[in-house]
């Protein structure tokens, strides 16, 4: 089903970072387990980590401290896990090539791009720079820039504000259910790169407000077409035949 029609191409496209542009799950899990082990807690599993997909890092650690016997505060765990995570990402940033290609195509077509993430400013800047993605995005909004994290729409609304475009003229790209809900609450159309992220929003899928384009089968050119951004692209160059 095509996405809902709009008066024109998207005014901007706003990307989530972790799980959307960057395949960061294993790096985050390792950093979280190391941080907790430093304080004597060694029972944090991949299933535990999955509970917090799409949740801002500070909020995640606040919940962990509140529900588990950890001899550390949320701020201590946040600082240490960020440092461990960034050490890994400076060495190598595992990218989701399909969504990165989408960002490159949109950038080449002149569509303004932003990142809206539940991570800290330091994490966003380091990951984008290390992954050589920083040239693509004119605006980055972190969890530190808004009062509430996803599923609250604040991070997407702030990105649209900084881009100086109407929120309802933007398209968001997300991997998590909380992010999809946040984008829809902001009045944006959304591309979900995992079926799980779209599972709770069947009405938005049926109406065309939400497009599912799984990472495993991601076709950046098709997504550009489906969101209407192809109209922004420059026409192909023609080569004049000599003589």
Protein backbone atom coordinates (compact mmCIF):
# COMPACT_ATOMS: atom_id res chain seq x y z
CA UNK A 1 0.00 0.00 0.00
CA UNK A 2 1.43 3.42 -0.88
CA UNK A 3 2.04 6.01 1.78
CA UNK A 4 -0.55 8.72 2.27
CA UNK A 5 -0.29 11.41 -0.37
CA UNK A 6 0.97 14.86 0.58
CA UNK A 7 0.89 18.20 -1.29
CA UNK A 8 4.52 17.67 -2.28
CA UNK A 9 7.73 15.85 -1.42
CA UNK A 10 8.67 15.62 2.28
CA UNK A 11 10.03 18.89 3.65
CA UNK A 12 12.60 16.85 5.59
CA UNK A 13 13.37 13.30 6.68
CA UNK A 14 14.29 12.60 10.30
CA UNK A 15 16.22 9.44 11.18
CA UNK A 16 16.53 7.61 14.44
CA UNK A 17 20.14 6.53 15.01
CA UNK A 18 20.56 3.29 16.97
CA UNK A 19 18.97 0.32 15.24
CA UNK A 20 18.00 2.48 12.26
CA UNK A 21 21.23 3.83 10.77
CA UNK A 22 23.61 1.96 13.06
CA UNK A 23 23.44 -1.72 14.02
CA UNK A 24 24.40 -0.97 17.59
CA UNK A 25 22.56 -3.65 19.55
CA UNK A 26 25.51 -5.94 20.29
CA UNK A 27 27.78 -3.00 21.17
CA UNK A 28 25.20 -1.54 23.56
CA UNK A 29 24.53 -4.92 25.19
CA UNK A 30 28.24 -5.54 25.75
CA UNK A 31 28.71 -2.04 27.20
CA UNK A 32 25.70 -2.40 29.49
CA UNK A 33 26.84 -5.81 30.75
CA UNK A 34 30.37 -4.50 31.38
CA UNK A 35 29.08 -1.44 33.22
CA UNK A 36 26.83 -3.52 35.44
CA UNK A 37 29.57 -6.11 36.06
CA UNK A 38 31.84 -3.27 37.21
CA UNK A 39 29.34 -2.70 40.02
CA UNK A 40 28.93 -6.41 40.78
CA UNK A 41 25.75 -7.17 38.83
CA UNK A 42 26.19 -9.97 36.27
CA UNK A 43 22.64 -11.01 35.38
CA UNK A 44 21.78 -8.61 32.54
CA UNK A 45 20.82 -10.61 29.44
CA UNK A 46 19.98 -9.90 25.81
CA UNK A 47 16.31 -10.30 26.75
CA UNK A 48 16.73 -7.64 29.45
CA UNK A 49 18.30 -5.31 26.89
CA UNK A 50 15.42 -5.94 24.47
CA UNK A 51 12.97 -4.54 27.03
CA UNK A 52 14.53 -1.11 26.55
CA UNK A 53 14.80 -0.88 22.77
CA UNK A 54 13.66 2.60 21.77
CA UNK A 55 13.93 3.97 25.32
CA UNK A 56 16.34 6.81 26.07
CA UNK A 57 19.54 5.73 27.80
CA UNK A 58 19.00 7.77 30.96
CA UNK A 59 15.47 6.44 31.35
CA UNK A 60 16.73 2.89 30.75
CA UNK A 61 19.29 3.13 33.55
CA UNK A 62 16.75 4.71 35.89
CA UNK A 63 14.46 1.74 35.32
CA UNK A 64 17.30 -0.76 35.76
CA UNK A 65 18.32 0.80 39.08
CA UNK A 66 14.69 0.86 40.25
CA UNK A 67 14.00 -2.81 39.42
CA UNK A 68 17.30 -4.59 40.06
CA UNK A 69 19.75 -4.79 42.94
CA UNK A 70 22.53 -2.69 41.48
CA UNK A 71 24.98 -0.90 43.79
CA UNK A 72 25.21 2.17 41.54
CA UNK A 73 23.16 5.15 40.47
CA UNK A 74 21.67 5.73 37.05
CA UNK A 75 24.09 8.55 36.25
CA UNK A 76 27.12 6.40 37.13
CA UNK A 77 25.89 3.59 34.91
CA UNK A 78 25.05 5.99 32.09
CA UNK A 79 28.51 7.58 32.15
CA UNK A 80 30.37 4.26 32.27
CA UNK A 81 28.24 2.47 29.66
CA UNK A 82 28.51 5.44 27.30
CA UNK A 83 32.29 5.42 27.63
CA UNK A 84 32.49 1.67 26.99
CA UNK A 85 30.11 1.92 24.05
CA UNK A 86 31.99 4.80 22.46
CA UNK A 87 35.29 2.93 22.79
CA UNK A 88 33.79 0.19 20.63
CA UNK A 89 32.20 2.52 18.10
CA UNK A 90 35.38 4.55 17.60
CA UNK A 91 37.04 1.33 16.45
CA UNK A 92 34.23 0.24 14.12
CA UNK A 93 30.68 1.43 13.40
CA UNK A 94 28.40 -1.33 12.06
CA UNK A 95 26.02 0.40 9.66
CA UNK A 96 22.62 -0.61 8.31
CA UNK A 97 23.61 -0.13 4.68
CA UNK A 98 20.07 0.17 3.33
CA UNK A 99 19.05 3.09 5.52
CA UNK A 100 22.43 4.77 5.10
CA UNK A 101 21.94 4.51 1.33
CA UNK A 102 18.49 6.07 1.79
CA UNK A 103 20.04 9.00 3.66
CA UNK A 104 22.66 9.39 0.91
CA UNK A 105 20.03 9.43 -1.84
CA UNK A 106 17.93 12.00 0.03
CA UNK A 107 20.98 14.15 0.73
CA UNK A 108 21.94 14.08 -2.95
CA UNK A 109 18.36 15.08 -3.82
CA UNK A 110 18.58 18.10 -1.53
CA UNK A 111 16.15 16.86 1.13
CA UNK A 112 17.08 18.28 4.58
CA UNK A 113 17.99 15.49 7.01
CA UNK A 114 18.11 15.26 10.80
CA UNK A 115 18.87 12.70 13.48
CA UNK A 116 16.47 12.44 16.43
CA UNK A 117 17.80 9.99 19.01
CA UNK A 118 17.36 8.92 22.60
CA UNK A 119 21.15 8.80 22.96
CA UNK A 120 23.33 11.55 24.39
CA UNK A 121 24.85 14.32 22.28
CA UNK A 122 28.31 12.80 22.77
CA UNK A 123 27.16 9.41 21.51
CA UNK A 124 25.41 10.88 18.48
CA UNK A 125 28.36 13.05 17.49
CA UNK A 126 30.91 10.27 17.97
CA UNK A 127 28.92 7.63 16.08
CA UNK A 128 28.09 9.93 13.17
CA UNK A 129 31.70 11.09 12.87
CA UNK A 130 33.22 7.62 13.25
CA UNK A 131 30.73 6.19 10.76
CA UNK A 132 31.36 9.11 8.33
CA UNK A 133 27.69 10.02 8.40
CA UNK A 134 27.99 13.50 9.87
CA UNK A 135 28.10 15.17 6.45
CA UNK A 136 24.54 14.00 5.73
CA UNK A 137 22.72 15.62 8.65
CA UNK A 138 22.25 19.33 9.27
CA UNK A 139 20.44 18.87 12.61
CA UNK A 140 20.91 16.38 15.46
CA UNK A 141 18.58 16.27 18.48
CA UNK A 142 19.54 14.17 21.51
CA UNK A 143 17.74 13.01 24.64
CA UNK A 144 19.42 15.91 26.44
CA UNK A 145 17.63 18.45 24.26
CA UNK A 146 14.05 17.53 25.17
CA UNK A 147 12.16 17.04 28.45
CA UNK A 148 10.77 13.60 27.60
CA UNK A 149 11.96 10.70 25.47
CA UNK A 150 10.12 8.57 22.94
CA UNK A 151 7.22 7.66 22.71
CA UNK A 152 6.71 11.33 23.51
CA UNK A 153 6.99 13.25 20.20
CA UNK A 154 9.22 15.99 21.64
CA UNK A 155 12.46 14.83 19.97
CA UNK A 156 10.84 14.76 16.52
CA UNK A 157 9.07 18.07 17.03
CA UNK A 158 12.34 19.68 18.10
CA UNK A 159 14.11 18.31 15.02
CA UNK A 160 11.40 19.76 12.77
CA UNK A 161 11.64 23.08 14.61
CA UNK A 162 15.41 23.25 14.13
CA UNK A 163 15.00 22.37 10.46
CA UNK A 164 12.38 25.16 10.22
CA UNK A 165 9.83 22.88 8.54
CA UNK A 166 6.29 21.83 9.58
CA UNK A 167 6.27 18.56 11.51
CA UNK A 168 3.39 17.20 9.44
CA UNK A 169 5.48 17.68 6.29
CA UNK A 170 8.26 15.41 7.60
CA UNK A 171 8.91 11.69 7.30
CA UNK A 172 10.56 9.80 10.16
CA UNK A 173 12.59 6.58 9.85
CA UNK A 174 12.49 4.32 12.90
CA UNK A 175 13.31 0.81 14.11
CA UNK A 176 11.44 0.71 17.44
CA UNK A 177 7.78 0.79 18.44
CA UNK A 178 8.32 3.72 20.79
CA UNK A 179 9.90 5.72 17.98
CA UNK A 180 7.10 4.91 15.53
CA UNK A 181 4.51 6.05 18.08
CA UNK A 182 6.51 9.23 18.74
CA UNK A 183 6.69 10.05 15.02
CA UNK A 184 2.97 9.45 14.49
CA UNK A 185 2.13 11.57 17.53
CA UNK A 186 4.24 14.34 16.02
CA UNK A 187 1.97 14.17 12.95
CA UNK A 188 4.69 12.74 10.72
CA UNK A 189 4.55 9.92 8.25
CA UNK A 190 6.92 7.15 9.23
CA UNK A 191 9.02 4.38 7.70
CA UNK A 192 9.43 1.41 10.05
CA UNK A 193 12.51 -0.66 9.30
CA UNK A 194 11.26 -3.58 11.43
CA UNK A 195 7.84 -5.18 11.35
CA UNK A 196 7.88 -5.34 15.14
CA UNK A 197 8.07 -1.55 15.31
CA UNK A 198 4.85 -1.24 13.30
CA UNK A 199 2.93 -4.03 15.02
CA UNK A 200 1.00 -1.76 17.38
CA UNK A 201 -0.11 0.68 14.66
CA UNK A 202 -2.19 -1.31 12.13
CA UNK A 203 -4.48 1.64 11.41
CA UNK A 204 -1.50 3.80 10.44
CA UNK A 205 -0.27 1.04 8.12
CA UNK A 206 -3.69 0.69 6.48
CA UNK A 207 -4.03 4.46 6.01
CA UNK A 208 -0.57 4.75 4.46
CA UNK A 209 0.75 6.91 7.29
CA UNK A 210 3.21 4.12 8.18
CA UNK A 211 5.31 2.23 5.65
CA UNK A 212 7.10 -1.01 6.58
CA UNK A 213 10.44 -1.50 4.84
CA UNK A 214 12.32 -4.25 6.64
CA UNK A 215 16.09 -3.97 7.04
CA UNK A 216 16.52 -7.43 5.53
CA UNK A 217 14.82 -6.42 2.26
CA UNK A 218 15.40 -2.67 2.30
CA UNK A 219 15.30 -0.99 -1.12
CA UNK A 220 16.39 2.62 -0.69
CA UNK A 221 15.28 3.68 -4.18
CA UNK A 222 11.82 2.20 -3.61
CA UNK A 223 11.48 3.96 -0.25
CA UNK A 224 12.48 7.27 -1.90
CA UNK A 225 9.71 6.70 -4.43
CA UNK A 226 7.13 5.67 -1.85
CA UNK A 227 7.66 8.71 0.36
CA UNK A 228 7.47 11.04 -2.63
CA UNK A 229 11.06 12.24 -2.38
CA UNK A 230 11.90 11.12 -5.92
CA UNK A 231 10.35 14.37 -7.11
CA UNK A 232 13.21 16.20 -5.38
CA UNK A 233 15.87 14.34 -7.30
CA UNK A 234 17.74 16.03 -10.10
CA UNK A 235 17.02 14.62 -13.57
CA UNK A 236 19.61 12.18 -14.90
CA UNK A 237 22.47 13.76 -16.78
CA UNK A 238 22.46 13.35 -20.54
CA UNK A 239 25.61 12.98 -22.57
CA UNK A 240 25.75 14.93 -25.82
CA UNK A 241 26.85 12.84 -28.75
CA UNK A 242 29.79 14.45 -30.58
CA UNK A 243 29.04 15.74 -34.05
